[in-house]
Amino acid sequence: GLTQLAPAYDLLSTRLVIPEKDDPEELALTMNGRKRKFRIGDFQQLAKSLKLKQKQVDNIFKRFQKVMPTVLDFINNSFLPEDKKSEYKELIQERASRLFT
């Protein structure tokens, strides 16, 4: 069967307006039985369940790493207040570090 999410599902992080102490989940849906503190193995398990080839998975991770500076630039150029820009960048970098360190 076909599994499909809405195009913008979980596109925006609500962490900037809902503190972690009030809602510790990072996703509304579970991934590999978890809703938070994802690691690379969780994404690899998701890719396996989606029947992605290892080359596809490797390319996805490479693309993600490649666009990280652009993501941070978008945040820097956003209309967010400076304190929220810093908070958002820290959030993105912390989550990315779980995947690539």
Protein backbone atom coordinates (compact mmCIF):
# COMPACT_ATOMS: atom_id res chain seq x y z
CA GLY A 1 0.00 0.00 0.00
CA LEU A 2 0.91 3.63 -0.38
CA THR A 3 1.84 5.72 2.65
CA GLN A 4 1.73 9.45 2.20
CA LEU A 5 1.85 12.49 4.47
CA ALA A 6 0.51 15.95 3.79
CA PRO A 7 3.15 18.00 1.91
CA ALA A 8 3.92 20.32 4.83
CA TYR A 9 3.50 17.85 7.69
CA ASP A 10 5.92 18.72 10.50
CA LEU A 11 7.59 21.30 8.26
CA LEU A 12 7.69 23.96 10.94
CA SER A 13 9.01 23.45 14.41
CA THR A 14 6.69 24.52 17.19
CA ARG A 15 9.52 24.33 19.73
CA LEU A 16 10.02 28.11 19.59
CA VAL A 17 6.53 28.72 20.98
CA ILE A 18 5.92 25.52 22.96
CA PRO A 19 8.72 24.84 25.44
CA GLU A 20 10.12 21.31 25.68
CA LYS A 21 8.95 21.06 29.30
CA ASP A 22 5.35 21.50 28.08
CA ASP A 23 5.63 19.16 25.08
CA PRO A 24 8.78 17.03 24.89
CA GLU A 25 7.82 15.34 21.61
CA GLU A 26 9.69 16.28 18.41
CA LEU A 27 7.14 14.66 16.08
CA ALA A 28 3.41 14.05 16.37
CA LEU A 29 3.79 10.61 14.78
CA THR A 30 6.17 7.95 16.00
CA MET A 31 9.23 6.93 14.03
CA ASN A 32 10.81 3.62 14.95
CA GLY A 33 8.66 3.64 18.09
CA ARG A 34 9.90 7.06 19.22
CA LYS A 35 8.69 10.65 19.16
CA ARG A 36 11.90 12.36 20.26
CA LYS A 37 15.69 12.20 20.45
CA PHE A 38 16.01 10.61 17.03
CA ARG A 39 19.31 9.20 15.90
CA ILE A 40 20.57 8.14 12.51
CA GLY A 41 19.46 4.54 13.18
CA ASP A 42 15.84 5.68 13.49
CA PHE A 43 15.99 7.30 10.06
CA GLN A 44 17.75 4.27 8.60
CA GLN A 45 14.98 2.04 9.96
CA LEU A 46 12.38 4.35 8.42
CA ALA A 47 14.20 4.18 5.08
CA LYS A 48 14.28 0.40 5.31
CA SER A 49 10.54 0.24 6.01
CA LEU A 50 9.99 2.50 2.99
CA LYS A 51 12.14 0.10 0.93
CA LEU A 52 14.65 2.77 -0.01
CA LYS A 53 17.97 1.62 -1.40
CA GLN A 54 21.10 2.39 0.63
CA LYS A 55 22.36 4.68 -2.14
CA GLN A 56 19.14 6.71 -1.87
CA VAL A 57 19.53 6.96 1.89
CA ASP A 58 23.17 8.01 1.60
CA ASN A 59 22.22 10.69 -0.94
CA ILE A 60 19.48 12.03 1.34
CA PHE A 61 21.92 12.39 4.24
CA LYS A 62 24.53 14.02 1.98
CA ARG A 63 21.96 16.51 0.68
CA PHE A 64 20.84 17.28 4.21
CA GLN A 65 24.40 18.04 5.28
CA LYS A 66 24.98 20.12 2.16
CA VAL A 67 21.96 22.38 2.74
CA MET A 68 22.59 22.99 6.45
CA PRO A 69 24.42 26.30 5.83
CA THR A 70 21.51 27.46 3.65
CA VAL A 71 19.00 26.54 6.34
CA LEU A 72 20.96 28.58 8.87
CA ASP A 73 21.15 31.49 6.41
CA PHE A 74 17.37 31.37 5.95
CA ILE A 75 16.96 31.61 9.71
CA ASN A 76 19.45 34.51 9.89
CA ASN A 77 17.52 36.35 7.17
CA SER A 78 14.10 35.63 8.66
CA PHE A 79 11.85 38.08 10.46
CA LEU A 80 12.28 36.26 13.75
CA PRO A 81 13.59 38.29 16.69
CA GLU A 82 17.31 37.77 17.28
CA ASP A 83 16.78 35.63 20.37
CA LYS A 84 14.42 33.32 18.46
CA LYS A 85 16.87 33.11 15.55
CA SER A 86 19.55 31.91 17.95
CA GLU A 87 17.16 29.46 19.60
CA TYR A 88 16.03 28.07 16.23
CA LYS A 89 19.60 27.66 14.94
CA GLU A 90 20.61 25.87 18.13
CA LEU A 91 17.63 23.54 17.76
CA ILE A 92 18.47 22.72 14.14
CA GLN A 93 22.15 22.20 14.92
CA GLU A 94 21.45 20.03 17.96
CA ARG A 95 19.11 17.75 16.03
CA ALA A 96 21.47 17.56 13.06
CA SER A 97 24.37 16.71 15.36
CA ARG A 98 22.50 13.60 16.51
CA LEU A 99 22.57 12.39 12.93
CA PHE A 100 26.09 13.25 11.90
CA THR A 101 28.34 12.85 14.94
